[in-house]
Amino acid sequence: MIIKNIKPQDDYKLKITTDNGRIGIFDVKPYLEFDAFAELKKQEEFNKVINGGYFVEWDCGADLSADAVEAHLTAIKN
C-alpha cells in the first residue's frame, strides 16, 4: 500500500487515502504514550504530518509504516 494523501483531523486522527482508493481514519492516540511520539501531543506539531508514501512521519522524528497504518485503518465512506 502507498499512502496518497494524509489530512490531520481533530482528536489525533489522520484521514488517509491510499493508492488503491481506500479512505479511512487512523487513530494516533495509542502511540502518544511512547516517547518518540510525545511531541505530537501538541496539536500544532501533530498537524505537521508528512506523507512519505510508504510511511507517515513528523518533524520530531516519529513515524509509522504504511503497513501499520493499513492494519489499523478504519474505513470511511467517501
N, C-alpha and C. Protein backbone atom coordinates (compact mmCIF):
# COMPACT_ATOMS: atom_id res chain seq x y z
N MET A 1 0.83 -1.17 0.00
CA MET A 1 0.00 0.00 0.00
C MET A 1 0.89 1.24 0.00
N ILE A 2 0.48 2.22 -0.79
CA ILE A 2 1.14 3.52 -0.81
C ILE A 2 0.13 4.56 -0.32
N ILE A 3 0.57 5.42 0.56
CA ILE A 3 -0.29 6.48 1.07
C ILE A 3 -0.27 7.62 0.06
N LYS A 4 -1.43 7.99 -0.43
CA LYS A 4 -1.54 9.06 -1.42
C LYS A 4 -1.81 10.41 -0.78
N ASN A 5 -2.59 10.43 0.30
CA ASN A 5 -2.95 11.69 0.93
C ASN A 5 -3.15 11.50 2.43
N ILE A 6 -2.72 12.50 3.20
CA ILE A 6 -2.91 12.50 4.65
C ILE A 6 -3.48 13.85 5.04
N LYS A 7 -4.54 13.82 5.83
CA LYS A 7 -5.10 15.07 6.33
C LYS A 7 -5.32 14.93 7.84
N PRO A 8 -4.61 15.74 8.64
CA PRO A 8 -4.81 15.65 10.09
C PRO A 8 -6.23 16.06 10.47
N GLN A 9 -6.76 15.35 11.45
CA GLN A 9 -8.11 15.60 11.95
C GLN A 9 -8.03 15.95 13.43
N ASP A 10 -9.16 16.31 14.00
CA ASP A 10 -9.21 16.55 15.44
C ASP A 10 -8.97 15.24 16.19
N ASP A 11 -8.65 15.36 17.44
CA ASP A 11 -8.52 14.23 18.35
C ASP A 11 -7.42 13.25 17.93
N TYR A 12 -6.33 13.77 17.33
CA TYR A 12 -5.15 12.98 16.97
C TYR A 12 -5.46 11.84 16.00
N LYS A 13 -6.26 12.15 15.02
CA LYS A 13 -6.58 11.18 13.98
C LYS A 13 -6.12 11.72 12.64
N LEU A 14 -5.83 10.78 11.73
CA LEU A 14 -5.42 11.14 10.38
C LEU A 14 -6.41 10.55 9.39
N LYS A 15 -6.82 11.35 8.43
CA LYS A 15 -7.63 10.83 7.31
C LYS A 15 -6.64 10.45 6.22
N ILE A 16 -6.67 9.19 5.85
CA ILE A 16 -5.69 8.61 4.92
C ILE A 16 -6.40 8.16 3.65
N THR A 17 -5.81 8.48 2.50
CA THR A 17 -6.25 7.94 1.22
C THR A 17 -5.08 7.14 0.66
N THR A 18 -5.37 5.92 0.20
CA THR A 18 -4.32 5.05 -0.32
C THR A 18 -4.36 4.98 -1.84
N ASP A 19 -3.32 4.38 -2.41
CA ASP A 19 -3.23 4.26 -3.86
C ASP A 19 -4.30 3.37 -4.47
N ASN A 20 -4.92 2.53 -3.66
CA ASN A 20 -5.99 1.67 -4.18
C ASN A 20 -7.38 2.26 -3.94
N GLY A 21 -7.42 3.54 -3.53
CA GLY A 21 -8.68 4.24 -3.36
C GLY A 21 -9.33 4.09 -2.00
N ARG A 22 -8.70 3.35 -1.13
CA ARG A 22 -9.25 3.18 0.22
C ARG A 22 -9.10 4.48 1.01
N ILE A 23 -10.15 4.86 1.72
CA ILE A 23 -10.12 6.06 2.55
C ILE A 23 -10.50 5.63 3.96
N GLY A 24 -9.72 6.09 4.93
CA GLY A 24 -10.00 5.69 6.30
C GLY A 24 -9.41 6.64 7.31
N ILE A 25 -9.71 6.35 8.56
CA ILE A 25 -9.21 7.13 9.68
C ILE A 25 -8.23 6.27 10.48
N PHE A 26 -7.07 6.85 10.77
CA PHE A 26 -6.06 6.20 11.59
C PHE A 26 -5.92 6.99 12.88
N ASP A 27 -6.10 6.32 14.00
CA ASP A 27 -6.03 6.95 15.32
C ASP A 27 -4.61 6.87 15.86
N VAL A 28 -3.99 8.03 16.05
CA VAL A 28 -2.62 8.09 16.54
C VAL A 28 -2.56 8.09 18.07
N LYS A 29 -3.68 8.33 18.74
CA LYS A 29 -3.69 8.45 20.20
C LYS A 29 -2.99 7.31 20.93
N PRO A 30 -3.17 6.05 20.55
CA PRO A 30 -2.48 4.98 21.29
C PRO A 30 -0.96 5.10 21.26
N TYR A 31 -0.41 5.77 20.27
CA TYR A 31 1.04 5.91 20.14
C TYR A 31 1.59 7.06 20.97
N LEU A 32 0.74 7.97 21.41
CA LEU A 32 1.20 9.16 22.12
C LEU A 32 1.84 8.85 23.46
N GLU A 33 1.64 7.65 23.98
CA GLU A 33 2.25 7.27 25.26
C GLU A 33 3.74 6.94 25.11
N PHE A 34 4.19 6.73 23.87
CA PHE A 34 5.59 6.41 23.62
C PHE A 34 6.41 7.69 23.45
N ASP A 35 7.63 7.67 23.96
CA ASP A 35 8.50 8.85 23.93
C ASP A 35 8.67 9.44 22.53
N ALA A 36 8.80 8.61 21.54
CA ALA A 36 9.03 9.08 20.17
C ALA A 36 7.87 9.93 19.65
N PHE A 37 6.69 9.75 20.23
CA PHE A 37 5.51 10.46 19.76
C PHE A 37 5.07 11.58 20.71
N ALA A 38 5.81 11.80 21.79
CA ALA A 38 5.42 12.76 22.83
C ALA A 38 5.19 14.17 22.28
N GLU A 39 6.02 14.61 21.35
CA GLU A 39 5.88 15.96 20.77
C GLU A 39 4.53 16.15 20.09
N LEU A 40 3.96 15.05 19.63
CA LEU A 40 2.71 15.13 18.87
C LEU A 40 1.50 15.44 19.75
N LYS A 41 1.70 15.43 21.05
CA LYS A 41 0.61 15.84 21.96
C LYS A 41 0.27 17.31 21.76
N LYS A 42 1.21 18.05 21.20
CA LYS A 42 0.95 19.45 20.82
C LYS A 42 0.27 19.41 19.45
N GLN A 43 -0.96 19.86 19.40
CA GLN A 43 -1.74 19.76 18.17
C GLN A 43 -1.02 20.39 16.98
N GLU A 44 -0.32 21.50 17.20
CA GLU A 44 0.37 22.17 16.09
C GLU A 44 1.49 21.29 15.53
N GLU A 45 2.12 20.48 16.36
CA GLU A 45 3.15 19.54 15.89
C GLU A 45 2.50 18.35 15.18
N PHE A 46 1.41 17.88 15.73
CA PHE A 46 0.68 16.77 15.11
C PHE A 46 0.25 17.14 13.69
N ASN A 47 -0.20 18.37 13.52
CA ASN A 47 -0.70 18.83 12.22
C ASN A 47 0.39 18.94 11.16
N LYS A 48 1.65 18.86 11.55
CA LYS A 48 2.77 18.96 10.60
C LYS A 48 3.14 17.60 10.01
N VAL A 49 2.18 16.75 9.86
CA VAL A 49 2.40 15.41 9.33
C VAL A 49 2.94 15.48 7.90
N ILE A 50 3.82 14.55 7.58
CA ILE A 50 4.47 14.48 6.26
C ILE A 50 4.14 13.13 5.63
N ASN A 51 3.76 13.15 4.37
CA ASN A 51 3.46 11.93 3.64
C ASN A 51 4.74 11.42 2.98
N GLY A 52 5.21 10.27 3.44
CA GLY A 52 6.39 9.64 2.85
C GLY A 52 6.04 8.54 1.87
N GLY A 53 4.75 8.38 1.56
CA GLY A 53 4.33 7.34 0.62
C GLY A 53 4.22 5.98 1.28
N TYR A 54 5.35 5.47 1.75
CA TYR A 54 5.37 4.18 2.44
C TYR A 54 5.40 4.34 3.95
N PHE A 55 5.29 5.58 4.40
CA PHE A 55 5.26 5.85 5.83
C PHE A 55 4.67 7.23 6.07
N VAL A 56 4.27 7.47 7.32
CA VAL A 56 3.80 8.76 7.81
C VAL A 56 4.87 9.24 8.76
N GLU A 57 5.27 10.50 8.67
CA GLU A 57 6.30 10.99 9.58
C GLU A 57 6.02 12.42 10.02
N TRP A 58 6.73 12.80 11.07
CA TRP A 58 6.64 14.15 11.61
C TRP A 58 8.05 14.67 11.82
N ASP A 59 8.18 16.01 11.91
CA ASP A 59 9.49 16.65 12.10
C ASP A 59 10.22 16.16 13.35
N CYS A 60 9.48 15.77 14.37
CA CYS A 60 10.09 15.34 15.63
C CYS A 60 10.78 13.98 15.51
N GLY A 61 10.63 13.31 14.37
CA GLY A 61 11.26 12.01 14.16
C GLY A 61 10.32 10.83 14.30
N ALA A 62 9.12 11.07 14.80
CA ALA A 62 8.13 9.99 14.91
C ALA A 62 7.70 9.56 13.52
N ASP A 63 7.50 8.27 13.34
CA ASP A 63 6.99 7.78 12.07
C ASP A 63 6.22 6.48 12.25
N LEU A 64 5.41 6.19 11.26
CA LEU A 64 4.61 4.96 11.22
C LEU A 64 4.69 4.40 9.81
N SER A 65 4.86 3.10 9.69
CA SER A 65 4.92 2.49 8.37
C SER A 65 3.52 2.40 7.76
N ALA A 66 3.48 2.35 6.44
CA ALA A 66 2.21 2.18 5.75
C ALA A 66 1.54 0.87 6.17
N ASP A 67 2.34 -0.16 6.46
CA ASP A 67 1.78 -1.44 6.92
C ASP A 67 1.05 -1.28 8.25
N ALA A 68 1.64 -0.52 9.17
CA ALA A 68 0.99 -0.28 10.47
C ALA A 68 -0.29 0.52 10.27
N VAL A 69 -0.23 1.51 9.41
CA VAL A 69 -1.41 2.33 9.12
C VAL A 69 -2.50 1.45 8.52
N GLU A 70 -2.16 0.65 7.53
CA GLU A 70 -3.14 -0.20 6.86
C GLU A 70 -3.80 -1.18 7.84
N ALA A 71 -3.01 -1.72 8.75
CA ALA A 71 -3.52 -2.71 9.71
C ALA A 71 -4.55 -2.11 10.67
N HIS A 72 -4.48 -0.80 10.90
CA HIS A 72 -5.37 -0.17 11.88
C HIS A 72 -6.23 0.93 11.28
N LEU A 73 -6.37 0.95 9.97
CA LEU A 73 -7.15 1.96 9.27
C LEU A 73 -8.63 1.59 9.33
N THR A 74 -9.44 2.50 9.83
CA THR A 74 -10.89 2.30 9.89
C THR A 74 -11.50 2.94 8.66
N ALA A 75 -12.07 2.12 7.79
CA ALA A 75 -12.63 2.62 6.53
C ALA A 75 -13.79 3.56 6.77
N ILE A 76 -13.86 4.59 5.92
CA ILE A 76 -14.99 5.51 5.94
C ILE A 76 -15.53 5.63 4.53
N LYS A 77 -16.75 6.12 4.42
CA LYS A 77 -17.33 6.33 3.10
C LYS A 77 -16.84 7.65 2.57
N ASN A 78 -16.72 7.72 1.25
CA ASN A 78 -16.24 8.96 0.60
C ASN A 78 -17.09 10.10 0.98
